[in-house]
Amino acid sequence: MTVKAKRNGDCFFDSVCKAFAGRHVERNSAMWQTTFGGEGSSGGGVPPHGELTIGELRKVVAAHYDESMWLMGQAVGGDYFAFIVDDSLELTQANIAALADDASDRAYWADESAIAAVQRYLHTRLLIFKPTADPANRCACVGDVGATRTPLFVVLRHSHRASKEQHYELYALPGTPQTTVFDAERLPAGVKRAFASTCPDADRSWREASDPAE
């Protein structure tokens, strides 16, 4: 089943927040400190363990959006990179950090750099299913998740269009409560096989995965 998300540039961040709603969330300490320093009430620059917010994730992505990414965005141009301010990396980062409604036409819609940053921040592999894509490109997982502990997994649905008007939603396994975050053992075998068949970064052992009842 899918869990609906905001239908604007916040949809990716909203979907990730919904996945972790009600859960203990362990952040990457170094990334949190780079983003927030001693800000907040967590004491001594230590990340909190409370609910994720769209604003928090956007600020983390903005803080890790570097000069090389900024220059590449300028070179490509177009509507998708409307958040880029050509003469200011700082203002570009401010557009990334802003909520979609606040940034308006300058809103940042999540791209591979956002996916990579959020994965490292939460040590979670984001498995992205694109139902309208060519079969060879329908399942995607990109970027590093770090090596501090065994990663978690979240499955997202991505409806991609040629412009920045794309949409992310969260996949959930029905139940009481529904499951939105998986460890490697609980990730459904069908999901493992689908991603292992097309995604270079997926675990190769997933090709032979089977559910206990199979």
Protein backbone atom coordinates (compact mmCIF):
# COMPACT_ATOMS: atom_id res chain seq x y z
CA MET A 1 0.00 0.00 0.00
CA THR A 2 1.09 3.61 -0.52
CA VAL A 3 1.14 6.36 2.09
CA LYS A 4 0.22 9.71 0.59
CA ALA A 5 2.66 12.63 0.81
CA LYS A 6 2.51 16.36 0.21
CA ARG A 7 2.02 17.06 -3.51
CA ASN A 8 4.74 19.69 -3.80
CA GLY A 9 8.51 19.84 -3.58
CA ASP A 10 8.37 18.50 -0.02
CA CYS A 11 7.01 15.08 -1.07
CA PHE A 12 10.34 13.21 -0.82
CA PHE A 13 11.14 14.62 2.61
CA ASP A 14 7.54 14.13 3.78
CA SER A 15 7.62 10.47 2.72
CA VAL A 16 10.82 9.80 4.66
CA CYS A 17 9.39 11.55 7.75
CA LYS A 18 6.23 9.45 7.51
CA ALA A 19 8.33 6.28 7.29
CA PHE A 20 10.02 7.05 10.61
CA ALA A 21 6.98 8.53 12.39
CA GLY A 22 6.71 7.18 15.93
CA ARG A 23 10.13 5.53 15.78
CA HIS A 24 13.38 6.16 17.60
CA VAL A 25 15.51 7.92 14.98
CA GLU A 26 19.30 7.72 15.19
CA ARG A 27 20.94 10.51 13.21
CA ASN A 28 24.48 10.66 11.82
CA SER A 29 26.16 12.76 14.52
CA ALA A 30 28.78 14.32 12.26
CA MET A 31 26.20 15.38 9.69
CA TRP A 32 23.91 16.76 12.39
CA GLN A 33 26.72 18.83 13.89
CA THR A 34 27.76 20.12 10.44
CA THR A 35 24.18 21.25 9.92
CA PHE A 36 23.15 22.49 13.34
CA GLY A 37 26.27 22.75 15.48
CA GLY A 38 25.17 23.34 19.06
CA GLU A 39 21.75 24.58 17.95
CA GLY A 40 18.71 23.31 19.82
CA SER A 41 18.17 21.84 23.25
CA SER A 42 19.83 18.44 22.82
CA GLY A 43 22.85 19.55 24.83
CA GLY A 44 26.47 19.70 23.76
CA GLY A 45 25.76 19.41 20.06
CA VAL A 46 24.33 15.89 20.38
CA PRO A 47 21.60 14.97 17.86
CA PRO A 48 18.07 14.53 19.22
CA HIS A 49 16.17 11.25 18.97
CA GLY A 50 12.74 12.73 18.39
CA GLU A 51 10.50 12.93 15.33
CA LEU A 52 12.01 13.83 12.01
CA THR A 53 10.68 16.93 10.27
CA ILE A 54 10.72 18.07 6.67
CA GLY A 55 12.60 21.19 7.74
CA GLU A 56 15.31 19.15 9.49
CA LEU A 57 15.94 16.95 6.46
CA ARG A 58 15.98 19.94 4.12
CA LYS A 59 18.56 21.72 6.30
CA VAL A 60 20.78 18.63 6.35
CA VAL A 61 20.64 18.35 2.56
CA ALA A 62 21.35 22.09 2.19
CA ALA A 63 24.36 21.93 4.53
CA HIS A 64 25.86 19.13 2.44
CA TYR A 65 25.14 20.72 -0.94
CA ASP A 66 28.65 21.73 -1.92
CA GLU A 67 30.26 23.99 -4.49
CA SER A 68 30.73 21.24 -7.08
CA MET A 69 27.00 20.45 -6.99
CA TRP A 70 26.19 24.15 -7.24
CA LEU A 71 28.43 24.63 -10.28
CA MET A 72 27.04 21.54 -11.98
CA GLY A 73 23.49 22.83 -11.45
CA GLN A 74 24.41 26.13 -13.04
CA ALA A 75 25.91 24.33 -16.04
CA VAL A 76 22.81 22.22 -16.62
CA GLY A 77 20.24 24.95 -15.92
CA GLY A 78 16.55 24.71 -16.75
CA ASP A 79 13.40 24.65 -14.63
CA TYR A 80 14.61 21.74 -12.52
CA PHE A 81 17.47 23.90 -11.23
CA ALA A 82 15.39 27.02 -10.51
CA PHE A 83 16.57 26.81 -6.89
CA ILE A 84 20.09 27.67 -8.04
CA VAL A 85 21.21 31.28 -7.47
CA ASP A 86 24.09 31.73 -9.89
CA ASP A 87 26.12 34.20 -7.84
CA SER A 88 25.54 32.73 -4.37
CA LEU A 89 26.00 29.22 -3.01
CA GLU A 90 24.61 30.45 0.33
CA LEU A 91 21.33 31.63 -1.21
CA THR A 92 21.11 28.38 -3.16
CA GLN A 93 21.47 26.46 0.10
CA ALA A 94 18.81 28.67 1.64
CA ASN A 95 16.39 27.69 -1.15
CA ILE A 96 17.17 24.01 -0.53
CA ALA A 97 16.54 24.42 3.19
CA ALA A 98 13.24 26.27 2.73
CA LEU A 99 9.90 24.47 2.75
CA ALA A 100 8.48 24.15 -0.76
CA ASP A 101 5.61 26.56 -0.16
CA ASP A 102 7.96 29.18 1.26
CA ALA A 103 10.44 28.90 -1.63
CA SER A 104 7.67 28.97 -4.26
CA ASP A 105 9.19 28.98 -7.78
CA ARG A 106 12.66 28.56 -6.24
CA ALA A 107 11.68 25.35 -4.43
CA TYR A 108 14.19 22.52 -4.41
CA TRP A 109 12.79 19.17 -5.51
CA ALA A 110 14.79 16.20 -4.22
CA ASP A 111 17.43 14.80 -6.55
CA GLU A 112 20.23 12.25 -6.18
CA SER A 113 22.20 14.54 -3.88
CA ALA A 114 19.20 14.73 -1.51
CA ILE A 115 18.77 10.96 -1.61
CA ALA A 116 22.47 10.43 -0.86
CA ALA A 117 22.52 12.92 2.03
CA VAL A 118 19.35 11.55 3.67
CA GLN A 119 20.62 7.98 3.35
CA ARG A 120 23.87 8.82 5.13
CA TYR A 121 22.09 10.93 7.75
CA LEU A 122 19.68 8.12 8.69
CA HIS A 123 21.91 5.18 7.65
CA THR A 124 18.98 3.94 5.61
CA ARG A 125 18.96 2.55 2.09
CA LEU A 126 16.17 4.21 0.10
CA LEU A 127 14.79 1.72 -2.42
CA ILE A 128 13.02 3.73 -5.11
CA PHE A 129 10.47 2.05 -7.35
CA LYS A 130 9.52 3.88 -10.57
CA PRO A 131 6.41 2.12 -11.92
CA THR A 132 6.28 4.06 -15.20
CA ALA A 133 9.96 3.65 -16.07
CA ASP A 134 11.49 1.16 -18.47
CA PRO A 135 11.80 -2.25 -16.74
CA ALA A 136 15.60 -1.98 -16.67
CA ASN A 137 15.35 1.31 -14.74
CA ARG A 138 12.29 0.62 -12.63
CA CYS A 139 14.14 -0.14 -9.40
CA ALA A 140 16.84 2.24 -8.20
CA CYS A 141 19.09 2.53 -5.18
CA VAL A 142 21.97 4.97 -5.32
CA GLY A 143 24.72 6.35 -3.15
CA ASP A 144 26.43 5.43 0.08
CA VAL A 145 24.69 4.73 3.40
CA GLY A 146 27.79 4.80 5.59
CA ALA A 147 29.29 1.91 7.51
CA THR A 148 28.63 2.65 11.18
CA ARG A 149 25.91 0.02 11.58
CA THR A 150 23.69 -2.35 9.62
CA PRO A 151 21.44 -0.21 7.40
CA LEU A 152 17.68 0.02 7.51
CA PHE A 153 15.51 0.08 4.37
CA VAL A 154 12.63 2.29 3.22
CA VAL A 155 10.76 1.74 -0.07
CA LEU A 156 9.54 4.81 -1.97
CA ARG A 157 7.38 5.17 -5.07
CA HIS A 158 8.61 7.75 -7.57
CA SER A 159 6.39 9.09 -10.34
CA HIS A 160 8.87 10.81 -12.62
CA ARG A 161 8.10 13.34 -15.32
CA ALA A 162 10.38 15.27 -17.64
CA SER A 163 10.18 18.43 -15.49
CA LYS A 164 10.67 18.92 -11.77
CA GLU A 165 6.96 18.12 -11.31
CA GLN A 166 7.59 14.66 -9.92
CA HIS A 167 6.17 12.92 -6.88
CA TYR A 168 7.33 10.58 -4.12
CA GLU A 169 5.14 8.43 -1.90
CA LEU A 170 5.94 5.88 0.77
CA TYR A 171 5.28 2.16 0.45
CA ALA A 172 4.04 0.39 3.58
CA LEU A 173 3.43 -3.26 4.42
CA PRO A 174 -0.13 -3.53 5.76
CA GLY A 175 -0.61 -4.58 9.36
CA THR A 176 -1.24 -3.22 12.81
CA PRO A 177 0.88 -1.24 12.88
CA GLN A 178 1.89 -1.03 9.22
CA THR A 179 5.59 -1.51 8.47
CA THR A 180 7.41 1.34 6.74
CA VAL A 181 11.02 0.75 7.88
CA PHE A 182 12.63 -2.65 7.39
CA ASP A 183 15.79 -4.42 8.45
CA ALA A 184 17.37 -6.81 5.96
CA GLU A 185 15.57 -9.87 7.35
CA ARG A 186 12.09 -8.33 7.19
CA LEU A 187 12.39 -6.72 3.78
CA PRO A 188 10.04 -8.75 1.52
CA ALA A 189 11.82 -11.22 -0.75
CA GLY A 190 10.03 -9.91 -3.83
CA VAL A 191 11.41 -6.43 -3.17
CA LYS A 192 14.92 -7.84 -2.73
CA ARG A 193 14.77 -9.80 -5.99
CA ALA A 194 13.37 -6.85 -7.95
CA PHE A 195 16.10 -4.46 -6.81
CA ALA A 196 18.93 -7.00 -7.09
CA SER A 197 18.01 -7.63 -10.72
CA THR A 198 18.44 -4.01 -11.84
CA CYS A 199 20.27 -1.99 -9.17
CA PRO A 200 24.09 -2.22 -9.02
CA ASP A 201 24.16 -1.05 -5.38
CA ALA A 202 21.73 -3.73 -4.15
CA ASP A 203 23.00 -6.73 -2.23
CA ARG A 204 23.85 -9.45 -4.78
CA SER A 205 22.56 -12.17 -2.44
CA TRP A 206 19.07 -10.72 -2.83
CA ARG A 207 18.79 -12.38 -6.26
CA GLU A 208 18.03 -15.69 -4.52
CA ALA A 209 15.87 -14.27 -1.73
CA SER A 210 12.76 -16.17 -0.70
CA ASP A 211 10.08 -15.59 1.94
CA PRO A 212 9.87 -18.16 4.75
CA ALA A 213 6.61 -19.59 3.39
CA GLU A 214 7.99 -20.08 -0.12
